[in-house]
Amino acid sequence: MVLALCSPEDGSEKAYVDSLKNAALELKTKHFEHYKMKDLEVQVWNVSRPRHDLTRCLAAENSGWPARLAPPLDRLCAICKQFEQWLLANNRNVIVIHCKGHRSRAALVLSAFMHYNAICSKYIVYFSSLLSGRIRVNPAPIYLHRITVSRLAGRVLSFKIYERLQPVYHTLPTWVHTSTWAFLAPTELNSQF
């Protein structure tokens, strides 16, 4: 999971420090109810100027650069590599990108990581092709008839399918007995891939 935490440049320093404390409390309690467990870790990367109060409140790693300038390429690559290593170390690890001032630094780091991470490459290429006009959205619906999973015997699975952020289909939790299992899902979807 990757979260971005941005704070406005203007405003009092006291309000900023109070918001940091609130963010730290929320990260530790509301969003991550198992925060105290050893296997859930939150790492914060600060991409604005170094701040010692941020380091105290959120145990942040300062990786920033001056506002409205491009970061050094080696620093951006190092941040992406750190993100990857952190997320691969444990599937419950969380990254928080912090930025005070303009959100462009947090957006740049997030965008760079999405390009760096191969999981997102299909969607980045797809979106780029849509923007350039190389492909068009097909308005005809597509039909999902089956979801087949393999090598998940001995687990309880359920699926939710969303379209435009609305759930359109879900399965009940089902115990998978064999190495290959098919969930029937006769669902009409708008084709966007």
Foldseek 3Di string as FASTA:
>chain_A
DEAEAEAEQDDDPVVVLVVLLVVLVCVCPVPCPPNVDPQEEEEEEEAEPDDVSNCVRPVYDYLHDYPPDDDDPVSLVVLLVVVVVQCVVHVNYYYYYYYYHDCVRVVVSVVSNLVVDPVNPVVVVLVVCCVVVVDHFDQAKDWDFKDKAFQPAQDWDKDFDDDPNHTDDIDDTDHHHHRMDMDTDGGIGRGGD
